[in-house]
């Protein structure tokens, strides 16, 4: 279970304090990612869940990672990096299951 405990403004976006299975952690979601989350009609809670509890993680470019988590008929894909040990969601999208996903640099 993932619960958002608090949300605060941050120069790069929004900082979320999250409880994951009884442990607290912080997740930063950038302004760019928040815009993309809105564009794809995703909920921040779903994105944070995909970031912290992915079904798959693959290595991206420039020390970034890509977390995948299916939800019903869609796949949430979150591009993230770490900054001083805090996961930073940099970009996000949702796609239909089976649809070919472009690289994050093509978006």
Foldseek 3Di string as FASTA:
>chain_A
DKDFPDWDQDPFGIKTWMADPNDTAIEAEGPQAVVQCVVQVHDPVVVVCQVVPAPDWDDDPDQWIWGWHDDVQKIKIFIWHDDPNHIYTHHIHIDGPPDDDDHPVVD
